[in-house]
């Protein structure tokens, strides 16, 4: 019997039935800015289709179900045979099918592939972030495999396929394949050169038997994996197929699945190799050099994925405050809440703008072999990975607070965003690893610093606060004595100056002015919602609203 004590009022409607792409102005403008006019219509259409799907009630429900029903490990069948299979909820497979079908693993085979994929990845990750992990690794495996043209010819068509073909069968029998990765070990962590897994050569050239373990093996249900192991001549990269050509299962003992803070729909495993068959990728002793191409691609996906979490968190916060009333008016019209929302929106737009600039640079490297853009990426990718992923968690927490107690409840979706938010900062090298990588580029690759300075210099003279920040950064870089202890400070300034330069050149004046005043001019507090007086915050918040 229905309760009649009161009517429910003053609740925001669900943010559903909208186009995730078309209502994100920073994303739309970035795609238009970087994309060739001849491709624009086609890409707008494909992103609109994906954006409408991402905003639909059905697909959002898939994301909820995939998280509420995490993967389950089955080590043995009913007869005691070792099978090492991971079962997923049907919603996971539906999300994977949509993602693969949308080209999220096909960047390498399409014109402007990285830019259009980055935009699609940013849209689709807002539905559910866990399943994008295998999509990211499948995409990123391609450049590493190209170290061996024969392997690339065999596997690349499978990895760039737009058909998701689930189930463990020989890869040659499948319409598409997905890849995982196993680098870290118990004793080494990020120090992969400390790996102890051994690779013993077999009679057939390029084939080996691996014995050892992996502490974090991502997406253990995949068709193949890139792993590192110690060969006779040193640390080497290998392709480890899950099922061998004759249909037998490769030795791949899944010991357990990790019980993680977030990313719960995705399986991360501890695995053991015991005479496991693998093929060498690249030369012996050059494993890090070979797999680094995969690492670079997944680092960029960490930036894009964090930008996606930020955008969804901001969209939910602005949407809620647009409808919710308190103290005689809508929350979005309250000066203090408007300051918080505008501050969050600035962070989100800066992340999106930077992510798309990196993707466009990757296209330039692939399509024309641009050494300038390659050098730019050498500093910009680890710096962006460091800073954007670091900003994701405080933003998600503040956006959750905008919904008050409603945001702390699972049904709002905000706790899932918050749990997911630290992952990209840890994945593919935590903050210190990224900062040290930038230092290596600064000290060993003069072209990288020159390319970065040329990029940020394109906005010189347009904003005095940006000019001053560039000058201060140059002062920091002039003295690299004992720089390791202040590496985070240096890399933070690199990322902020780059974001400021991009926004000054490409964002509306209200956005650029607020960003430079707060992030570069120092007129900002330690928490969100501390933007200085006199900015056009109403316009910034309106720009961030996901009109449904």
Protein backbone atom coordinates (compact mmCIF):
# COMPACT_ATOMS: atom_id res chain seq x y z
CA UNK A 1 0.00 0.00 0.00
CA UNK A 2 1.40 3.40 -1.02
CA UNK A 3 2.47 5.75 1.75
CA UNK A 4 0.44 8.95 1.92
CA UNK A 5 2.25 10.92 4.60
CA UNK A 6 3.98 13.25 2.18
CA UNK A 7 4.85 14.04 -1.41
CA UNK A 8 8.47 13.78 -2.56
CA UNK A 9 9.74 17.16 -3.76
CA UNK A 10 13.01 19.01 -4.29
CA UNK A 11 14.89 16.00 -5.67
CA UNK A 12 16.93 16.33 -8.85
CA UNK A 13 15.82 14.04 -11.66
CA UNK A 14 18.32 11.37 -12.75
CA UNK A 15 20.89 12.50 -15.27
CA UNK A 16 19.82 10.13 -18.01
CA UNK A 17 18.68 10.24 -21.62
CA UNK A 18 21.29 12.74 -22.78
CA UNK A 19 24.20 12.82 -25.23
CA UNK A 20 27.40 12.59 -23.17
CA UNK A 21 29.46 13.89 -26.08
CA UNK A 22 27.29 16.72 -27.43
CA UNK A 23 26.67 18.24 -23.98
CA UNK A 24 30.40 18.43 -23.17
CA UNK A 25 31.40 21.72 -24.75
CA UNK A 26 35.11 21.43 -23.99
CA UNK A 27 35.19 18.00 -25.62
CA UNK A 28 33.19 19.02 -28.68
CA UNK A 29 35.31 22.12 -29.25
CA UNK A 30 38.52 20.12 -28.79
CA UNK A 31 37.46 17.57 -31.41
CA UNK A 32 36.56 20.36 -33.83
CA UNK A 33 39.86 22.11 -33.15
CA UNK A 34 42.13 19.15 -33.81
CA UNK A 35 40.24 17.27 -36.50
CA UNK A 36 40.55 17.77 -40.24
CA UNK A 37 37.42 19.34 -41.72
CA UNK A 38 36.96 16.40 -44.13
CA UNK A 39 36.55 13.99 -41.19
CA UNK A 40 34.52 16.20 -38.90
CA UNK A 41 31.05 15.15 -40.02
CA UNK A 42 31.83 11.46 -39.81
CA UNK A 43 33.43 11.74 -36.38
CA UNK A 44 30.68 13.94 -34.97
CA UNK A 45 28.14 11.33 -36.04
CA UNK A 46 30.01 8.39 -34.50
CA UNK A 47 30.65 10.27 -31.25
CA UNK A 48 27.02 11.38 -31.12
CA UNK A 49 25.85 7.77 -31.43
CA UNK A 50 28.25 6.69 -28.71
CA UNK A 51 27.37 9.69 -26.53
CA UNK A 52 23.65 8.97 -26.76
CA UNK A 53 24.28 5.33 -25.83
CA UNK A 54 26.47 6.37 -22.89
CA UNK A 55 23.74 8.65 -21.57
CA UNK A 56 20.94 6.13 -22.00
CA UNK A 57 19.20 4.45 -19.08
CA UNK A 58 19.96 0.99 -20.44
CA UNK A 59 23.72 1.46 -20.76
CA UNK A 60 23.97 3.21 -17.41
CA UNK A 61 22.25 0.19 -15.88
CA UNK A 62 24.87 -2.05 -17.49
CA UNK A 63 27.54 -0.07 -15.69
CA UNK A 64 25.77 -0.48 -12.35
CA UNK A 65 25.29 -4.22 -12.83
CA UNK A 66 28.87 -4.80 -13.91
CA UNK A 67 30.05 -3.20 -10.66
CA UNK A 68 27.49 -4.87 -8.43
CA UNK A 69 28.39 -8.29 -9.88
CA UNK A 70 32.20 -8.41 -9.95
CA UNK A 71 34.16 -11.13 -11.79
CA UNK A 72 34.42 -14.58 -10.24
CA UNK A 73 37.41 -16.92 -10.50
CA UNK A 74 36.92 -20.60 -11.30
CA UNK A 75 40.24 -22.42 -10.95
CA UNK A 76 38.87 -25.95 -11.58
CA UNK A 77 35.95 -27.60 -13.30
CA UNK A 78 33.63 -30.04 -11.57
CA UNK A 79 35.98 -32.93 -12.29
CA UNK A 80 39.04 -31.32 -10.79
CA UNK A 81 40.68 -30.20 -14.04
CA UNK A 82 42.48 -26.88 -13.85
CA UNK A 83 40.67 -24.33 -16.09
CA UNK A 84 41.57 -20.91 -14.62
CA UNK A 85 38.61 -19.05 -16.02
CA UNK A 86 37.07 -15.76 -14.94
CA UNK A 87 33.31 -15.32 -15.21
CA UNK A 88 31.80 -11.88 -15.81
CA UNK A 89 28.27 -10.57 -15.58
CA UNK A 90 26.55 -10.27 -18.99
CA UNK A 91 26.58 -6.48 -18.60
CA UNK A 92 30.39 -6.51 -18.66
CA UNK A 93 30.34 -8.28 -22.01
CA UNK A 94 27.75 -5.85 -23.35
CA UNK A 95 29.95 -2.92 -22.37
CA UNK A 96 33.00 -4.57 -23.91
CA UNK A 97 31.08 -5.24 -27.12
CA UNK A 98 29.99 -1.63 -27.41
CA UNK A 99 33.47 -0.34 -26.64
CA UNK A 100 35.22 -2.56 -29.16
CA UNK A 101 32.52 -1.84 -31.73
CA UNK A 102 33.05 1.90 -31.23
CA UNK A 103 36.71 1.58 -32.25
CA UNK A 104 38.29 1.93 -28.81
CA UNK A 105 40.94 -0.60 -29.86
CA UNK A 106 41.21 0.55 -33.48
CA UNK A 107 43.09 3.85 -33.28
CA UNK A 108 46.09 2.54 -35.22
CA UNK A 109 44.09 1.68 -38.34
CA UNK A 110 41.97 4.82 -38.84
CA UNK A 111 42.73 8.38 -39.95
CA UNK A 112 43.05 10.71 -36.94
CA UNK A 113 42.63 7.52 -34.98
CA UNK A 114 44.10 8.69 -31.69
CA UNK A 115 42.09 11.89 -31.48
CA UNK A 116 38.77 10.29 -32.31
CA UNK A 117 39.52 7.34 -30.02
CA UNK A 118 40.51 9.66 -27.15
CA UNK A 119 37.19 11.49 -27.46
CA UNK A 120 35.29 8.20 -27.59
CA UNK A 121 37.28 6.78 -24.66
CA UNK A 122 36.47 9.89 -22.62
CA UNK A 123 32.77 9.50 -23.41
CA UNK A 124 32.52 5.75 -22.87
CA UNK A 125 34.60 5.67 -19.67
CA UNK A 126 31.93 7.80 -18.00
CA UNK A 127 29.57 4.83 -18.12
CA UNK A 128 31.87 2.41 -16.28
CA UNK A 129 35.62 2.62 -15.96
CA UNK A 130 36.57 -0.96 -15.11
CA UNK A 131 35.99 -2.54 -18.51
CA UNK A 132 38.04 0.16 -20.21
CA UNK A 133 41.20 -1.39 -18.71
CA UNK A 134 41.34 -4.30 -21.22
CA UNK A 135 40.22 -1.92 -23.97
CA UNK A 136 43.19 0.30 -23.11
CA UNK A 137 45.70 -2.53 -23.03
CA UNK A 138 44.44 -4.04 -26.27
CA UNK A 139 44.87 -0.66 -27.93
CA UNK A 140 48.29 -0.10 -26.36
CA UNK A 141 49.72 -3.51 -27.28
CA UNK A 142 49.89 -2.67 -30.98
CA UNK A 143 53.01 -0.42 -30.99
CA UNK A 144 54.89 -2.89 -28.79
CA UNK A 145 54.10 -5.78 -31.13
CA UNK A 146 55.41 -3.77 -34.06
CA UNK A 147 58.90 -4.46 -32.72
CA UNK A 148 58.39 -7.82 -34.46
CA UNK A 149 56.77 -7.32 -37.89
CA UNK A 150 55.78 -10.97 -38.16
CA UNK A 151 53.99 -10.92 -34.81
CA UNK A 152 52.37 -7.60 -35.64
CA UNK A 153 51.05 -8.94 -38.96
CA UNK A 154 49.53 -11.88 -37.12
CA UNK A 155 48.02 -10.11 -34.12
CA UNK A 156 47.34 -6.51 -35.09
CA UNK A 157 44.23 -7.26 -37.22
CA UNK A 158 42.77 -9.14 -34.24
CA UNK A 159 43.49 -6.36 -31.75
CA UNK A 160 42.17 -3.57 -33.97
CA UNK A 161 39.03 -5.49 -34.92
CA UNK A 162 35.69 -3.89 -34.08
CA UNK A 163 34.22 -7.28 -33.16
CA UNK A 164 34.27 -8.41 -29.53
CA UNK A 165 34.61 -12.18 -29.53
CA UNK A 166 34.54 -13.46 -25.95
CA UNK A 167 35.63 -16.87 -24.75
CA UNK A 168 38.92 -18.79 -24.65
CA UNK A 169 39.77 -20.24 -28.07
CA UNK A 170 42.84 -20.09 -30.30
CA UNK A 171 43.17 -16.47 -31.39
CA UNK A 172 43.36 -17.49 -35.05
CA UNK A 173 39.77 -18.76 -34.77
CA UNK A 174 38.38 -15.51 -33.35
CA UNK A 175 36.98 -12.41 -35.06
CA UNK A 176 38.75 -10.18 -32.54
CA UNK A 177 41.08 -10.49 -29.57
CA UNK A 178 41.81 -8.58 -26.38
CA UNK A 179 45.12 -8.22 -24.58
CA UNK A 180 46.29 -7.96 -20.99
CA UNK A 181 49.65 -7.22 -19.43
CA UNK A 182 51.86 -8.62 -16.68
CA UNK A 183 54.89 -6.60 -15.60
CA UNK A 184 54.98 -6.15 -11.83
CA UNK A 185 56.11 -8.83 -9.40
CA UNK A 186 55.96 -9.18 -5.62
CA UNK A 187 59.56 -8.19 -5.00
CA UNK A 188 59.82 -5.44 -7.62
CA UNK A 189 56.70 -3.38 -8.09
CA UNK A 190 57.56 -0.49 -10.40
CA UNK A 191 61.18 -1.63 -10.49
CA UNK A 192 60.56 -4.16 -13.26
CA UNK A 193 64.31 -4.75 -13.74
CA UNK A 194 64.11 -6.65 -10.43
CA UNK A 195 61.76 -9.22 -12.02
CA UNK A 196 62.69 -12.85 -11.36
CA UNK A 197 60.48 -14.69 -13.88
CA UNK A 198 62.81 -16.75 -16.07
CA UNK A 199 62.58 -17.40 -19.81
CA UNK A 200 64.30 -20.53 -21.15
CA UNK A 201 64.82 -20.65 -24.95
CA UNK A 202 63.30 -23.51 -26.92
CA UNK A 203 64.57 -25.09 -30.14
CA UNK A 204 62.22 -23.03 -32.31
CA UNK A 205 63.69 -19.58 -32.79
CA UNK A 206 61.96 -16.89 -30.73
CA UNK A 207 60.05 -19.30 -28.47
CA UNK A 208 60.57 -19.79 -24.73
CA UNK A 209 59.22 -21.42 -21.60
CA UNK A 210 58.47 -19.01 -18.75
CA UNK A 211 58.65 -19.89 -15.07
CA UNK A 212 57.70 -17.40 -12.38
CA UNK A 213 54.84 -15.20 -11.27
CA UNK A 214 53.14 -11.85 -11.78
CA UNK A 215 51.80 -9.94 -8.79
CA UNK A 216 49.46 -7.84 -10.94
CA UNK A 217 48.25 -9.38 -14.18
CA UNK A 218 45.59 -7.18 -15.69
CA UNK A 219 42.56 -8.67 -17.44
CA UNK A 220 43.44 -12.37 -17.01
CA UNK A 221 40.54 -13.44 -19.26
CA UNK A 222 42.35 -11.95 -22.28
CA UNK A 223 43.51 -13.82 -25.39
CA UNK A 224 47.12 -12.76 -24.99
CA UNK A 225 49.48 -10.87 -22.70
CA UNK A 226 52.65 -8.86 -22.94
CA UNK A 227 54.92 -9.85 -20.07
CA UNK A 228 58.51 -9.30 -18.99
CA UNK A 229 60.92 -12.08 -18.04
CA UNK A 230 64.66 -12.64 -17.64
CA UNK A 231 66.08 -14.30 -20.76
CA UNK A 232 69.76 -15.32 -21.06
CA UNK A 233 70.70 -11.83 -22.30
CA UNK A 234 68.52 -9.90 -19.84
CA UNK A 235 65.01 -8.60 -19.30
CA UNK A 236 62.94 -9.31 -22.39
CA UNK A 237 59.38 -8.75 -23.61
CA UNK A 238 57.21 -11.75 -24.50
CA UNK A 239 53.81 -12.43 -26.05
CA UNK A 240 52.04 -15.07 -23.98
CA UNK A 241 48.92 -16.53 -25.67
CA UNK A 242 46.19 -17.80 -23.36
CA UNK A 243 45.27 -20.66 -25.71
CA UNK A 244 47.80 -22.38 -27.96
CA UNK A 245 47.30 -22.94 -31.67
CA UNK A 246 46.29 -26.58 -31.17
CA UNK A 247 43.49 -25.54 -28.82
CA UNK A 248 45.16 -26.55 -25.56
CA UNK A 249 45.31 -24.10 -22.69
CA UNK A 250 48.66 -22.51 -22.02
CA UNK A 251 49.88 -22.93 -18.44
CA UNK A 252 48.43 -19.87 -16.74
CA UNK A 253 47.50 -20.55 -13.13
CA UNK A 254 45.34 -17.79 -11.68
CA UNK A 255 45.99 -17.88 -7.95
CA UNK A 256 43.46 -15.26 -6.94
CA UNK A 257 41.72 -12.08 -8.05
CA UNK A 258 42.63 -8.86 -6.26
CA UNK A 259 40.04 -7.36 -3.92
CA UNK A 260 40.44 -3.74 -4.96
CA UNK A 261 39.26 -0.39 -3.62
CA UNK A 262 37.52 0.43 -6.90
CA UNK A 263 37.66 -0.83 -10.49
CA UNK A 264 35.59 -3.71 -9.16
CA UNK A 265 34.08 -4.84 -12.45
CA UNK A 266 37.55 -5.54 -13.82
CA UNK A 267 39.64 -8.59 -12.93
CA UNK A 268 43.22 -8.12 -11.74
CA UNK A 269 45.00 -11.33 -10.86
CA UNK A 270 48.04 -12.99 -9.37
CA UNK A 271 49.26 -15.62 -11.83
CA UNK A 272 51.92 -18.31 -11.90
CA UNK A 273 53.86 -19.52 -14.95
CA UNK A 274 55.29 -23.04 -14.94
CA UNK A 275 56.83 -23.87 -18.30
CA UNK A 276 54.41 -21.46 -19.97
CA UNK A 277 54.95 -21.09 -23.71
CA UNK A 278 55.68 -17.59 -25.06
CA UNK A 279 57.13 -15.81 -28.08
CA UNK A 280 59.79 -13.15 -27.82
CA UNK A 281 58.88 -9.60 -28.85
CA UNK A 282 61.95 -7.57 -29.85
CA UNK A 283 65.49 -8.49 -28.89
CA UNK A 284 66.65 -10.17 -25.73
CA UNK A 285 67.68 -7.73 -23.06
CA UNK A 286 65.55 -4.91 -24.50
CA UNK A 287 62.30 -5.72 -22.75
CA UNK A 288 61.73 -2.30 -21.21
CA UNK A 289 62.57 -0.56 -24.48
CA UNK A 290 60.07 -2.82 -26.29
CA UNK A 291 57.17 -2.59 -23.85
CA UNK A 292 57.63 1.14 -23.18
CA UNK A 293 55.53 1.91 -26.26
CA UNK A 294 52.65 0.08 -24.60
CA UNK A 295 53.31 1.90 -21.35
CA UNK A 296 53.26 5.30 -23.08
CA UNK A 297 49.89 4.55 -24.69
CA UNK A 298 48.34 3.36 -21.44
CA UNK A 299 49.70 6.41 -19.62
CA UNK A 300 47.82 8.61 -22.05
CA UNK A 301 44.72 6.54 -21.35
CA UNK A 302 45.23 7.22 -17.64
CA UNK A 303 44.99 10.94 -18.44
CA UNK A 304 41.90 10.43 -20.59
CA UNK A 305 40.28 8.12 -18.05
CA UNK A 306 40.82 10.59 -15.22
CA UNK A 307 39.43 13.38 -17.40
CA UNK A 308 36.36 11.19 -17.94
CA UNK A 309 35.83 10.64 -14.20
CA UNK A 310 36.23 14.38 -13.62
CA UNK A 311 33.75 15.26 -16.33
CA UNK A 312 31.13 12.83 -15.05
CA UNK A 313 31.60 14.04 -11.46
CA UNK A 314 31.22 17.68 -12.52
CA UNK A 315 28.23 16.87 -14.72
CA UNK A 316 26.47 15.15 -11.80
CA UNK A 317 27.28 17.99 -9.40
CA UNK A 318 26.10 20.77 -11.72
CA UNK A 319 23.00 18.78 -12.67
CA UNK A 320 22.05 18.21 -9.03
CA UNK A 321 22.62 21.84 -8.04
CA UNK A 322 20.60 23.08 -11.02
CA UNK A 323 17.47 21.38 -9.65
CA UNK A 324 18.04 21.29 -5.89
CA UNK A 325 16.72 24.21 -3.83
CA UNK A 326 17.91 25.33 -0.40
CA UNK A 327 17.61 28.50 1.67
CA UNK A 328 15.18 30.11 -0.72
CA UNK A 329 16.73 29.39 -4.11
CA UNK A 330 18.47 26.96 -6.38
CA UNK A 331 21.87 25.76 -5.20
CA UNK A 332 23.46 26.65 -8.52
CA UNK A 333 22.53 30.30 -7.94
CA UNK A 334 24.10 30.50 -4.48
CA UNK A 335 27.39 32.43 -4.74
CA UNK A 336 29.42 30.00 -2.64
CA UNK A 337 28.14 26.88 -4.41
CA UNK A 338 28.67 28.58 -7.75
CA UNK A 339 32.31 29.15 -6.76
CA UNK A 340 32.72 25.45 -5.96
CA UNK A 341 31.08 24.31 -9.19
CA UNK A 342 33.08 26.73 -11.32
CA UNK A 343 36.32 25.64 -9.69
CA UNK A 344 35.51 21.99 -10.39
CA UNK A 345 34.53 22.84 -13.96
CA UNK A 346 37.87 24.58 -14.56
CA UNK A 347 39.77 21.50 -13.41
CA UNK A 348 37.70 19.25 -15.63
CA UNK A 349 38.00 21.42 -18.74
CA UNK A 350 41.76 21.78 -18.29
CA UNK A 351 42.09 17.98 -18.08
CA UNK A 352 39.97 17.38 -21.18
CA UNK A 353 41.77 20.03 -23.21
CA UNK A 354 45.18 18.62 -22.30
CA UNK A 355 44.15 15.01 -23.03
CA UNK A 356 42.95 15.90 -26.52
CA UNK A 357 46.12 17.88 -27.26
CA UNK A 358 48.20 14.81 -26.40
CA UNK A 359 46.05 12.56 -28.58
CA UNK A 360 46.40 14.97 -31.52
CA UNK A 361 50.17 14.93 -31.04
CA UNK A 362 50.12 11.14 -31.14
CA UNK A 363 48.31 11.31 -34.49
CA UNK A 364 50.96 13.67 -35.82
CA UNK A 365 53.70 11.26 -34.76
CA UNK A 366 51.97 8.29 -36.38
CA UNK A 367 50.75 9.99 -39.54
CA UNK A 368 53.71 12.20 -40.42
CA UNK A 369 56.50 11.07 -38.13
CA UNK A 370 56.68 14.51 -36.52
CA UNK A 371 59.82 14.62 -34.37
CA UNK A 372 58.65 17.88 -32.82
CA UNK A 373 55.47 16.26 -31.54
CA UNK A 374 57.33 13.14 -30.46
CA UNK A 375 59.68 15.27 -28.38
CA UNK A 376 56.75 17.22 -26.94
CA UNK A 377 55.04 14.00 -25.84
CA UNK A 378 58.20 12.83 -24.10
CA UNK A 379 57.65 15.46 -21.38
CA UNK A 380 53.94 16.17 -21.76
CA UNK A 381 52.62 12.62 -21.30
CA UNK A 382 54.30 11.81 -17.95
CA UNK A 383 53.67 15.36 -16.69
CA UNK A 384 49.99 15.15 -17.62
CA UNK A 385 49.73 11.64 -16.22
CA UNK A 386 51.20 12.88 -12.95
CA UNK A 387 49.04 15.97 -12.55
CA UNK A 388 45.66 15.11 -14.07
CA UNK A 389 45.43 11.79 -12.25
CA UNK A 390 46.45 13.48 -8.98
CA UNK A 391 43.65 16.04 -9.33
CA UNK A 392 40.99 13.41 -9.97
CA UNK A 393 40.45 12.22 -6.40
CA UNK A 394 40.00 15.62 -4.68
CA UNK A 395 37.68 16.68 -7.49
CA UNK A 396 35.56 13.53 -7.19
CA UNK A 397 35.34 13.99 -3.42
CA UNK A 398 34.27 17.64 -3.71
CA UNK A 399 31.74 16.86 -6.43
CA UNK A 400 30.27 14.14 -4.21
CA UNK A 401 29.90 16.70 -1.42
CA UNK A 402 27.90 18.96 -3.74
CA UNK A 403 25.16 16.32 -3.56
CA UNK A 404 25.36 16.27 0.24
CA UNK A 405 24.20 13.06 1.88
CA UNK A 406 22.66 11.98 -1.41
CA UNK A 407 26.14 11.82 -2.89
CA UNK A 408 27.36 9.50 -0.15
CA UNK A 409 24.73 6.91 -1.09
CA UNK A 410 25.65 4.23 -3.62
CA UNK A 411 22.56 4.84 -5.75
CA UNK A 412 23.87 8.27 -6.71
CA UNK A 413 26.87 6.75 -8.52
CA UNK A 414 29.22 9.21 -6.85
CA UNK A 415 30.86 6.66 -4.49
CA UNK A 416 31.79 4.56 -7.51
CA UNK A 417 33.49 7.56 -9.12
CA UNK A 418 35.33 8.31 -5.89
CA UNK A 419 36.57 4.73 -5.49
CA UNK A 420 37.74 4.70 -9.08
CA UNK A 421 39.48 8.07 -8.90
CA UNK A 422 42.88 7.04 -7.37
CA UNK A 423 43.49 4.19 -9.81
CA UNK A 424 44.97 6.07 -12.74
CA UNK A 425 47.49 7.79 -10.51
CA UNK A 426 48.82 4.38 -9.44
CA UNK A 427 48.49 2.50 -12.71
CA UNK A 428 51.42 2.55 -15.17
CA UNK A 429 53.75 4.15 -12.67
CA UNK A 430 52.71 6.14 -9.62
CA UNK A 431 53.39 9.83 -9.07
CA UNK A 432 57.07 9.53 -8.24
CA UNK A 433 57.73 7.33 -11.28
CA UNK A 434 56.13 9.94 -13.56
CA UNK A 435 58.03 12.81 -11.95
CA UNK A 436 61.35 11.00 -12.30
CA UNK A 437 60.54 10.18 -15.91
CA UNK A 438 60.05 13.87 -16.66
CA UNK A 439 63.41 14.60 -15.00
CA UNK A 440 65.11 12.03 -17.23
CA UNK A 441 63.66 13.72 -20.29
CA UNK A 442 64.78 17.14 -19.08
CA UNK A 443 68.31 15.96 -18.39
CA UNK A 444 68.89 13.67 -21.36
CA UNK A 445 66.70 14.92 -24.19
CA UNK A 446 67.13 18.63 -24.99
CA UNK A 447 64.64 18.38 -27.85
CA UNK A 448 61.90 17.48 -25.39
CA UNK A 449 62.33 20.65 -23.35
CA UNK A 450 62.59 22.76 -26.49
CA UNK A 451 59.37 21.25 -27.87
CA UNK A 452 57.56 21.88 -24.60
CA UNK A 453 58.72 25.49 -24.42
CA UNK A 454 57.69 26.11 -28.00
CA UNK A 455 54.24 24.74 -27.23
CA UNK A 456 53.60 26.88 -24.16
CA UNK A 457 55.29 29.84 -25.85
CA UNK A 458 52.46 29.99 -28.39
CA UNK A 459 50.41 31.81 -25.74
CA UNK A 460 53.09 34.22 -24.56
CA UNK A 461 51.86 37.78 -24.21
CA UNK A 462 48.20 36.74 -23.97
CA UNK A 463 48.03 36.63 -20.15
CA UNK A 464 50.49 38.20 -17.73
CA UNK A 465 49.98 35.48 -15.13
CA UNK A 466 50.85 32.78 -17.65
CA UNK A 467 53.92 34.76 -18.74
CA UNK A 468 55.06 35.02 -15.12
CA UNK A 469 54.48 31.30 -14.54
CA UNK A 470 56.58 30.42 -17.59
CA UNK A 471 59.35 32.67 -16.32
CA UNK A 472 59.23 31.06 -12.87
CA UNK A 473 59.34 27.60 -14.44
CA UNK A 474 62.42 28.50 -16.45
CA UNK A 475 64.08 29.63 -13.23
CA UNK A 476 63.26 26.23 -11.66
CA UNK A 477 64.65 24.41 -14.69
CA UNK A 478 67.84 26.45 -14.75
CA UNK A 479 69.02 24.73 -11.58
CA UNK A 480 68.74 20.96 -11.78
CA UNK A 481 71.18 20.40 -8.92
CA UNK A 482 69.51 18.08 -6.44
CA UNK A 483 66.31 18.32 -8.43
CA UNK A 484 64.98 14.88 -7.50
CA UNK A 485 63.72 16.07 -4.11
CA UNK A 486 61.64 18.80 -5.77
CA UNK A 487 60.63 16.79 -8.84
CA UNK A 488 56.93 16.86 -7.99
CA UNK A 489 56.98 20.64 -7.68
CA UNK A 490 58.68 21.00 -11.06
CA UNK A 491 56.34 18.59 -12.84
CA UNK A 492 53.27 20.20 -11.30
CA UNK A 493 54.37 23.56 -12.69
CA UNK A 494 55.05 22.03 -16.10
CA UNK A 495 51.54 20.59 -16.23
CA UNK A 496 49.84 23.77 -15.02
CA UNK A 497 51.74 26.00 -17.44
CA UNK A 498 50.82 23.66 -20.29
CA UNK A 499 47.15 23.63 -19.30
CA UNK A 500 47.17 27.40 -18.91
CA UNK A 501 48.70 27.88 -22.35
CA UNK A 502 46.10 25.63 -23.96
CA UNK A 503 43.17 27.32 -22.24
CA UNK A 504 44.43 30.83 -23.02
CA UNK A 505 44.61 29.87 -26.68
CA UNK A 506 41.46 27.80 -27.01
CA UNK A 507 38.97 28.21 -24.14
CA UNK A 508 36.44 31.03 -23.68
CA UNK A 509 37.96 34.10 -21.96
CA UNK A 510 35.99 33.45 -18.76
CA UNK A 511 37.56 29.99 -18.39
CA UNK A 512 41.10 31.06 -19.24
CA UNK A 513 40.92 34.09 -16.95
CA UNK A 514 39.72 32.05 -13.97
CA UNK A 515 42.30 29.32 -14.54
CA UNK A 516 45.20 31.73 -14.81
CA UNK A 517 44.06 33.79 -11.82
CA UNK A 518 43.80 30.74 -9.57
CA UNK A 519 46.23 28.06 -10.79
CA UNK A 520 48.95 30.35 -12.13
CA UNK A 521 48.36 33.71 -10.39
CA UNK A 522 48.21 32.24 -6.90
CA UNK A 523 44.85 33.81 -6.00
CA UNK A 524 43.41 30.51 -4.83
CA UNK A 525 42.97 28.53 -1.63
CA UNK A 526 43.84 24.95 -0.75
CA UNK A 527 40.30 23.64 -1.41
CA UNK A 528 37.90 23.88 -4.34
CA UNK A 529 35.53 26.83 -4.13
CA UNK A 530 38.19 29.42 -3.39
CA UNK A 531 38.30 31.26 -6.72
CA UNK A 532 38.95 35.00 -6.42
CA UNK A 533 36.27 37.67 -6.59
CA UNK A 534 35.43 39.33 -9.89
CA UNK A 535 35.38 36.31 -12.22
CA UNK A 536 32.46 35.33 -14.43
CA UNK A 537 31.60 32.15 -12.57
CA UNK A 538 28.02 31.97 -13.81
CA UNK A 539 29.20 31.53 -17.40
CA UNK A 540 31.74 28.87 -16.41
CA UNK A 541 29.10 26.82 -14.57
CA UNK A 542 26.56 27.17 -17.38
CA UNK A 543 29.17 25.92 -19.83
CA UNK A 544 29.71 22.80 -17.71
CA UNK A 545 26.04 21.90 -17.41
CA UNK A 546 25.07 18.60 -19.08
CA UNK A 547 21.80 19.73 -20.62
CA UNK A 548 19.48 16.72 -20.50
